[in-house]
Amino acid sequence: MKSDGISIDIRELRQEEASEVRDMIMSGLCQQVASHRAVIKFLRMPVGWLWVGFLVVSFCSVTNSVRLASVTSAAVLCLFVTRALLYVRYRYRRYFERLELQDLYTWYGTRAGSKFWVAVCEGKIIGTIALHRTSDNAAQLKRMTVLPSFRQRDVATCLLKHCEEYCGTQGVERIHLRTSRFQEDAIRLYLKFGFAITKKFTFLLNMEKLTC
């Protein structure tokens, strides 16, 4: 399969690749969720403004000063603390998914209708995508990630097409997913690919696509 001038092969995950792929997924999620863009997006939300106000008031109370320098220092501190909290939240969420991430090969290989694919370029794994069957006619899209050096080269699009083609052969009529509101590139890709936002949470989005 050709993707933006590179040749990629999409195949199922092999057992000996499970640890490498797990680390790749964790790294990708961490970079996006705890990025500067994620922090800025969070601070634009109503809950973000409340958080900023709380930190500024707390900082000024502790320093017993409302001077410009104190407010500026509080704002800068807010950025660092917010990024740290986003990272902690990400790690906390991953902790509760540890059983799946500990052994992706076994997790997806032993569940009926579940699949885990990798995109390979010149022997190197550059992307992943997984599908978990949730009912007779529905499946959840999971674990979509692409190495930073291969992003914007249609690798993710190829993975999505492969997944949808598989769903077409298995009677899956509805594909749904949940993603972070901070992963703007992923959200744009899903919307472009035909997914629609079905529900919004403070930090997450539910999306869905009908394949029939």
C-alpha atoms as a PDB file:
ATOM      1  CA  MET A   1       0.000   0.000   0.000  1.00  0.00           C
ATOM      2  CA  LYS A   2       1.319   3.432  -0.978  1.00  0.00           C
ATOM      3  CA  SER A   3       0.985   6.410   1.373  1.00  0.00           C
ATOM      4  CA  ASP A   4       2.402   9.816   0.408  1.00  0.00           C
ATOM      5  CA  GLY A   5       5.368   8.329  -1.419  1.00  0.00           C
ATOM      6  CA  ILE A   6       6.154   5.597   1.107  1.00  0.00           C
ATOM      7  CA  SER A   7       5.250   1.931   0.944  1.00  0.00           C
ATOM      8  CA  ILE A   8       3.517   0.533   4.004  1.00  0.00           C
ATOM      9  CA  ASP A   9       2.235  -2.888   4.916  1.00  0.00           C
ATOM     10  CA  ILE A  10      -0.722  -3.224   7.284  1.00  0.00           C
ATOM     11  CA  ARG A  11      -0.859  -6.519   9.132  1.00  0.00           C
ATOM     12  CA  GLU A  12      -1.882  -7.967  12.481  1.00  0.00           C
ATOM     13  CA  LEU A  13       0.279  -7.458  15.554  1.00  0.00           C
ATOM     14  CA  ARG A  14       2.801 -10.194  16.331  1.00  0.00           C
ATOM     15  CA  GLN A  15       3.426 -11.397  19.854  1.00  0.00           C
ATOM     16  CA  GLU A  16       7.065 -10.301  19.947  1.00  0.00           C
ATOM     17  CA  GLU A  17       6.041  -6.756  18.965  1.00  0.00           C
ATOM     18  CA  ALA A  18       3.583  -6.191  21.833  1.00  0.00           C
ATOM     19  CA  SER A  19       6.025  -4.416  24.183  1.00  0.00           C
ATOM     20  CA  GLU A  20       7.373  -2.120  21.462  1.00  0.00           C
ATOM     21  CA  VAL A  21       3.873  -1.166  20.368  1.00  0.00           C
ATOM     22  CA  ARG A  22       2.732  -0.558  23.950  1.00  0.00           C
ATOM     23  CA  ASP A  23       5.588   1.901  24.495  1.00  0.00           C
ATOM     24  CA  MET A  24       4.788   3.591  21.197  1.00  0.00           C
ATOM     25  CA  ILE A  25       1.138   4.073  22.192  1.00  0.00           C
ATOM     26  CA  MET A  26       2.022   5.393  25.642  1.00  0.00           C
ATOM     27  CA  SER A  27       4.577   7.832  24.240  1.00  0.00           C
ATOM     28  CA  GLY A  28       2.194   9.138  21.589  1.00  0.00           C
ATOM     29  CA  LEU A  29      -0.628   9.730  24.048  1.00  0.00           C
ATOM     30  CA  CYS A  30       1.651  11.415  26.546  1.00  0.00           C
ATOM     31  CA  GLN A  31       3.102  13.802  23.954  1.00  0.00           C
ATOM     32  CA  GLN A  32      -0.321  14.898  22.738  1.00  0.00           C
ATOM     33  CA  VAL A  33      -2.224  15.090  26.024  1.00  0.00           C
ATOM     34  CA  ALA A  34       0.549  16.902  27.923  1.00  0.00           C
ATOM     35  CA  SER A  35       1.578  19.191  25.050  1.00  0.00           C
ATOM     36  CA  HIS A  36       1.569  22.993  25.071  1.00  0.00           C
ATOM     37  CA  ARG A  37      -1.411  22.974  22.711  1.00  0.00           C
ATOM     38  CA  ALA A  38      -3.351  20.787  25.130  1.00  0.00           C
ATOM     39  CA  VAL A  39      -2.599  23.183  27.972  1.00  0.00           C
ATOM     40  CA  ILE A  40      -3.752  26.188  25.922  1.00  0.00           C
ATOM     41  CA  LYS A  41      -6.938  24.392  24.873  1.00  0.00           C
ATOM     42  CA  PHE A  42      -7.658  23.471  28.486  1.00  0.00           C
ATOM     43  CA  LEU A  43      -7.152  27.052  29.638  1.00  0.00           C
ATOM     44  CA  ARG A  44      -9.685  28.235  27.046  1.00  0.00           C
ATOM     45  CA  MET A  45     -12.389  26.045  28.577  1.00  0.00           C
ATOM     46  CA  PRO A  46     -14.678  27.366  31.358  1.00  0.00           C
ATOM     47  CA  VAL A  47     -13.144  24.883  33.772  1.00  0.00           C
ATOM     48  CA  GLY A  48      -9.737  26.201  32.703  1.00  0.00           C
ATOM     49  CA  TRP A  49     -10.673  29.780  33.575  1.00  0.00           C
ATOM     50  CA  LEU A  50     -11.881  28.636  36.984  1.00  0.00           C
ATOM     51  CA  TRP A  51      -8.589  26.820  37.472  1.00  0.00           C
ATOM     52  CA  VAL A  52      -6.576  29.923  36.517  1.00  0.00           C
ATOM     53  CA  GLY A  53      -8.623  32.100  38.844  1.00  0.00           C
ATOM     54  CA  PHE A  54      -8.163  29.683  41.708  1.00  0.00           C
ATOM     55  CA  LEU A  55      -4.388  29.547  41.244  1.00  0.00           C
ATOM     56  CA  VAL A  56      -4.006  33.321  40.890  1.00  0.00           C
ATOM     57  CA  VAL A  57      -6.077  34.025  44.004  1.00  0.00           C
ATOM     58  CA  SER A  58      -4.265  31.319  45.955  1.00  0.00           C
ATOM     59  CA  PHE A  59      -0.842  32.573  44.873  1.00  0.00           C
ATOM     60  CA  CYS A  60      -1.668  36.187  45.727  1.00  0.00           C
ATOM     61  CA  SER A  61      -3.059  35.128  49.107  1.00  0.00           C
ATOM     62  CA  VAL A  62       0.091  33.202  49.955  1.00  0.00           C
ATOM     63  CA  THR A  63       2.396  36.032  48.840  1.00  0.00           C
ATOM     64  CA  ASN A  64       0.065  38.651  50.351  1.00  0.00           C
ATOM     65  CA  SER A  65       0.400  40.752  47.220  1.00  0.00           C
ATOM     66  CA  VAL A  66      -1.699  41.651  44.177  1.00  0.00           C
ATOM     67  CA  ARG A  67       1.060  43.434  42.308  1.00  0.00           C
ATOM     68  CA  LEU A  68       1.515  42.799  38.590  1.00  0.00           C
ATOM     69  CA  ALA A  69       4.612  40.713  39.253  1.00  0.00           C
ATOM     70  CA  SER A  70       2.650  38.417  41.546  1.00  0.00           C
ATOM     71  CA  VAL A  71      -0.204  38.007  39.080  1.00  0.00           C
ATOM     72  CA  THR A  72       2.243  37.329  36.243  1.00  0.00           C
ATOM     73  CA  SER A  73       4.122  34.790  38.335  1.00  0.00           C
ATOM     74  CA  ALA A  74       0.846  33.093  39.198  1.00  0.00           C
ATOM     75  CA  ALA A  75      -0.133  32.901  35.527  1.00  0.00           C
ATOM     76  CA  VAL A  76       3.212  31.336  34.571  1.00  0.00           C
ATOM     77  CA  LEU A  77       2.949  28.902  37.466  1.00  0.00           C
ATOM     78  CA  CYS A  78      -0.540  28.043  36.287  1.00  0.00           C
ATOM     79  CA  LEU A  79       0.775  26.886  32.907  1.00  0.00           C
ATOM     80  CA  PHE A  80       3.311  24.538  34.457  1.00  0.00           C
ATOM     81  CA  VAL A  81       0.905  23.166  37.058  1.00  0.00           C
ATOM     82  CA  THR A  82      -1.817  22.625  34.454  1.00  0.00           C
ATOM     83  CA  ARG A  83       0.540  20.710  32.204  1.00  0.00           C
ATOM     84  CA  ALA A  84       1.675  18.588  35.137  1.00  0.00           C
ATOM     85  CA  LEU A  85      -1.922  17.818  36.125  1.00  0.00           C
ATOM     86  CA  LEU A  86      -2.847  16.838  32.575  1.00  0.00           C
ATOM     87  CA  TYR A  87       0.090  14.453  32.540  1.00  0.00           C
ATOM     88  CA  VAL A  88      -0.893  12.983  35.929  1.00  0.00           C
ATOM     89  CA  ARG A  89      -4.461  12.525  34.728  1.00  0.00           C
ATOM     90  CA  TYR A  90      -3.183  10.775  31.629  1.00  0.00           C
ATOM     91  CA  ARG A  91      -1.032   8.406  33.727  1.00  0.00           C
ATOM     92  CA  TYR A  92      -3.958   7.734  36.068  1.00  0.00           C
ATOM     93  CA  ARG A  93      -6.184   6.824  33.142  1.00  0.00           C
ATOM     94  CA  ARG A  94      -3.519   4.550  31.679  1.00  0.00           C
ATOM     95  CA  TYR A  95      -3.212   2.803  35.049  1.00  0.00           C
ATOM     96  CA  PHE A  96      -6.777   1.569  34.754  1.00  0.00           C
ATOM     97  CA  GLU A  97      -6.085   0.276  31.257  1.00  0.00           C
ATOM     98  CA  ARG A  98      -2.965  -1.576  32.346  1.00  0.00           C
ATOM     99  CA  LEU A  99      -4.407  -5.045  31.734  1.00  0.00           C
ATOM    100  CA  GLU A 100      -4.937  -4.289  28.059  1.00  0.00           C
ATOM    101  CA  LEU A 101      -1.627  -2.498  27.622  1.00  0.00           C
ATOM    102  CA  GLN A 102       0.408  -5.129  29.472  1.00  0.00           C
ATOM    103  CA  ASP A 103      -0.176  -7.623  26.692  1.00  0.00           C
ATOM    104  CA  LEU A 104      -1.876  -6.209  23.628  1.00  0.00           C
ATOM    105  CA  TYR A 105      -1.326  -9.405  21.668  1.00  0.00           C
ATOM    106  CA  THR A 106      -3.200 -11.594  24.152  1.00  0.00           C
ATOM    107  CA  TRP A 107      -5.860  -8.989  24.892  1.00  0.00           C
ATOM    108  CA  TYR A 108      -6.928  -8.594  21.279  1.00  0.00           C
ATOM    109  CA  GLY A 109      -6.025 -12.087  20.149  1.00  0.00           C
ATOM    110  CA  THR A 110      -8.321 -13.837  22.614  1.00  0.00           C
ATOM    111  CA  ARG A 111     -11.431 -11.668  22.190  1.00  0.00           C
ATOM    112  CA  ALA A 112     -13.843 -12.598  19.448  1.00  0.00           C
ATOM    113  CA  GLY A 113     -14.120  -9.921  16.792  1.00  0.00           C
ATOM    114  CA  SER A 114     -11.195  -7.901  18.155  1.00  0.00           C
ATOM    115  CA  LYS A 115      -8.192  -7.066  15.988  1.00  0.00           C
ATOM    116  CA  PHE A 116      -4.954  -5.130  16.375  1.00  0.00           C
ATOM    117  CA  TRP A 117      -3.099  -3.982  13.261  1.00  0.00           C
ATOM    118  CA  VAL A 118       0.245  -2.298  12.741  1.00  0.00           C
ATOM    119  CA  ALA A 119       1.493  -0.235   9.815  1.00  0.00           C
ATOM    120  CA  VAL A 120       5.022  -1.247   8.831  1.00  0.00           C
ATOM    121  CA  CYS A 121       7.456   0.702   6.639  1.00  0.00           C
ATOM    122  CA  GLU A 122      10.787  -0.903   5.735  1.00  0.00           C
ATOM    123  CA  GLY A 123      10.522  -3.278   8.681  1.00  0.00           C
ATOM    124  CA  LYS A 124       9.682  -0.543  11.201  1.00  0.00           C
ATOM    125  CA  ILE A 125       6.320  -0.198  12.950  1.00  0.00           C
ATOM    126  CA  ILE A 126       5.122   3.351  12.284  1.00  0.00           C
ATOM    127  CA  GLY A 127       1.444   3.193  13.225  1.00  0.00           C
ATOM    128  CA  THR A 128      -1.223   1.186  15.018  1.00  0.00           C
ATOM    129  CA  ILE A 129      -4.990   0.785  15.127  1.00  0.00           C
ATOM    130  CA  ALA A 130      -7.261  -1.620  16.988  1.00  0.00           C
ATOM    131  CA  LEU A 131     -10.877  -2.728  16.769  1.00  0.00           C
ATOM    132  CA  HIS A 132     -12.927  -4.106  19.650  1.00  0.00           C
ATOM    133  CA  ARG A 133     -16.275  -5.723  18.824  1.00  0.00           C
ATOM    134  CA  THR A 134     -18.942  -4.344  21.164  1.00  0.00           C
ATOM    135  CA  SER A 135     -22.070  -5.939  19.650  1.00  0.00           C
ATOM    136  CA  ASP A 136     -23.204  -7.934  16.628  1.00  0.00           C
ATOM    137  CA  ASN A 137     -23.200  -4.849  14.400  1.00  0.00           C
ATOM    138  CA  ALA A 138     -20.933  -2.385  16.236  1.00  0.00           C
ATOM    139  CA  ALA A 139     -17.249  -2.070  17.089  1.00  0.00           C
ATOM    140  CA  GLN A 140     -15.047   0.394  18.936  1.00  0.00           C
ATOM    141  CA  LEU A 141     -12.005   1.938  17.275  1.00  0.00           C
ATOM    142  CA  LYS A 142      -9.028   2.091  19.642  1.00  0.00           C
ATOM    143  CA  ARG A 143      -5.249   2.583  19.890  1.00  0.00           C
ATOM    144  CA  MET A 144      -4.841   4.792  16.837  1.00  0.00           C
ATOM    145  CA  THR A 145      -1.336   6.250  16.793  1.00  0.00           C
ATOM    146  CA  VAL A 146       1.367   7.154  14.272  1.00  0.00           C
ATOM    147  CA  LEU A 147       5.022   7.930  14.931  1.00  0.00           C
ATOM    148  CA  PRO A 148       5.643  11.717  14.874  1.00  0.00           C
ATOM    149  CA  SER A 149       8.072  11.466  11.942  1.00  0.00           C
ATOM    150  CA  PHE A 150       5.392   9.778   9.802  1.00  0.00           C
ATOM    151  CA  ARG A 151       2.426  12.000  10.618  1.00  0.00           C
ATOM    152  CA  GLN A 152       0.774  14.079   7.892  1.00  0.00           C
ATOM    153  CA  ARG A 153       1.679  11.349   5.391  1.00  0.00           C
ATOM    154  CA  ASP A 154      -1.720   9.609   5.221  1.00  0.00           C
ATOM    155  CA  VAL A 155      -0.596   6.661   7.355  1.00  0.00           C
ATOM    156  CA  ALA A 156      -3.539   7.167   9.711  1.00  0.00           C
ATOM    157  CA  THR A 157      -5.913   7.377   6.748  1.00  0.00           C
ATOM    158  CA  CYS A 158      -4.619   4.059   5.414  1.00  0.00           C
ATOM    159  CA  LEU A 159      -5.124   2.459   8.829  1.00  0.00           C
ATOM    160  CA  LEU A 160      -8.678   3.786   9.051  1.00  0.00           C
ATOM    161  CA  LYS A 161      -9.502   2.532   5.552  1.00  0.00           C
ATOM    162  CA  HIS A 162      -8.098  -0.902   6.382  1.00  0.00           C
ATOM    163  CA  CYS A 163     -10.163  -1.029   9.557  1.00  0.00           C
ATOM    164  CA  GLU A 164     -13.348   0.028   7.769  1.00  0.00           C
ATOM    165  CA  GLU A 165     -12.815  -2.511   4.995  1.00  0.00           C
ATOM    166  CA  TYR A 166     -12.487  -5.232   7.626  1.00  0.00           C
ATOM    167  CA  CYS A 167     -15.691  -4.037   9.290  1.00  0.00           C
ATOM    168  CA  GLY A 168     -17.462  -4.331   5.952  1.00  0.00           C
ATOM    169  CA  THR A 169     -16.593  -8.025   5.776  1.00  0.00           C
ATOM    170  CA  GLN A 170     -17.715  -8.684   9.362  1.00  0.00           C
ATOM    171  CA  GLY A 171     -21.168  -7.131   9.356  1.00  0.00           C
ATOM    172  CA  VAL A 172     -20.130  -4.124  11.429  1.00  0.00           C
ATOM    173  CA  GLU A 173     -22.504  -1.261  10.634  1.00  0.00           C
ATOM    174  CA  ARG A 174     -21.414   1.239  13.285  1.00  0.00           C
ATOM    175  CA  ILE A 175     -17.898   2.220  14.373  1.00  0.00           C
ATOM    176  CA  HIS A 176     -17.577   4.326  17.509  1.00  0.00           C
ATOM    177  CA  LEU A 177     -14.639   5.771  19.422  1.00  0.00           C
ATOM    178  CA  ARG A 178     -13.687   8.005  22.319  1.00  0.00           C
ATOM    179  CA  THR A 179     -10.844  10.483  22.060  1.00  0.00           C
ATOM    180  CA  SER A 180      -9.376  13.344  24.067  1.00  0.00           C
ATOM    181  CA  ARG A 181     -10.585  16.850  23.240  1.00  0.00           C
ATOM    182  CA  PHE A 182      -6.923  17.866  23.310  1.00  0.00           C
ATOM    183  CA  GLN A 183      -6.023  15.626  20.344  1.00  0.00           C
ATOM    184  CA  GLU A 184      -7.076  18.143  17.713  1.00  0.00           C
ATOM    185  CA  ASP A 185      -5.244  16.512  14.803  1.00  0.00           C
ATOM    186  CA  ALA A 186      -6.956  13.189  15.495  1.00  0.00           C
ATOM    187  CA  ILE A 187     -10.371  14.847  15.792  1.00  0.00           C
ATOM    188  CA  ARG A 188      -9.925  16.613  12.435  1.00  0.00           C
ATOM    189  CA  LEU A 189      -8.920  13.321  10.828  1.00  0.00           C
ATOM    190  CA  TYR A 190     -11.942  11.477  12.204  1.00  0.00           C
ATOM    191  CA  LEU A 191     -14.306  14.235  11.060  1.00  0.00           C
ATOM    192  CA  LYS A 192     -12.741  14.205   7.600  1.00  0.00           C
ATOM    193  CA  PHE A 193     -13.167  10.439   7.479  1.00  0.00           C
ATOM    194  CA  GLY A 194     -16.886  10.680   8.155  1.00  0.00           C
ATOM    195  CA  PHE A 195     -17.140  10.384  11.923  1.00  0.00           C
ATOM    196  CA  ALA A 196     -19.574  12.636  13.776  1.00  0.00           C
ATOM    197  CA  ILE A 197     -19.360  13.879  17.353  1.00  0.00           C
ATOM    198  CA  THR A 198     -22.159  12.255  19.354  1.00  0.00           C
ATOM    199  CA  LYS A 199     -21.362  13.399  22.889  1.00  0.00           C
ATOM    200  CA  LYS A 200     -19.031  15.889  24.551  1.00  0.00           C
ATOM    201  CA  PHE A 201     -17.490  15.594  27.987  1.00  0.00           C
ATOM    202  CA  THR A 202     -15.134  17.977  29.776  1.00  0.00           C
ATOM    203  CA  PHE A 203     -12.021  16.264  28.448  1.00  0.00           C
ATOM    204  CA  LEU A 204     -13.349  13.620  26.035  1.00  0.00           C
ATOM    205  CA  LEU A 205     -15.435  13.252  22.891  1.00  0.00           C
ATOM    206  CA  ASN A 206     -17.548  10.344  21.698  1.00  0.00           C
ATOM    207  CA  MET A 207     -17.602   9.939  17.911  1.00  0.00           C
ATOM    208  CA  GLU A 208     -19.410   7.564  15.587  1.00  0.00           C
ATOM    209  CA  LYS A 209     -19.630   6.541  11.945  1.00  0.00           C
ATOM    210  CA  LEU A 210     -22.218   4.411  10.173  1.00  0.00           C
ATOM    211  CA  THR A 211     -20.635   2.159   7.567  1.00  0.00           C
ATOM    212  CA  CYS A 212     -23.779   0.865   5.893  1.00  0.00           C
END
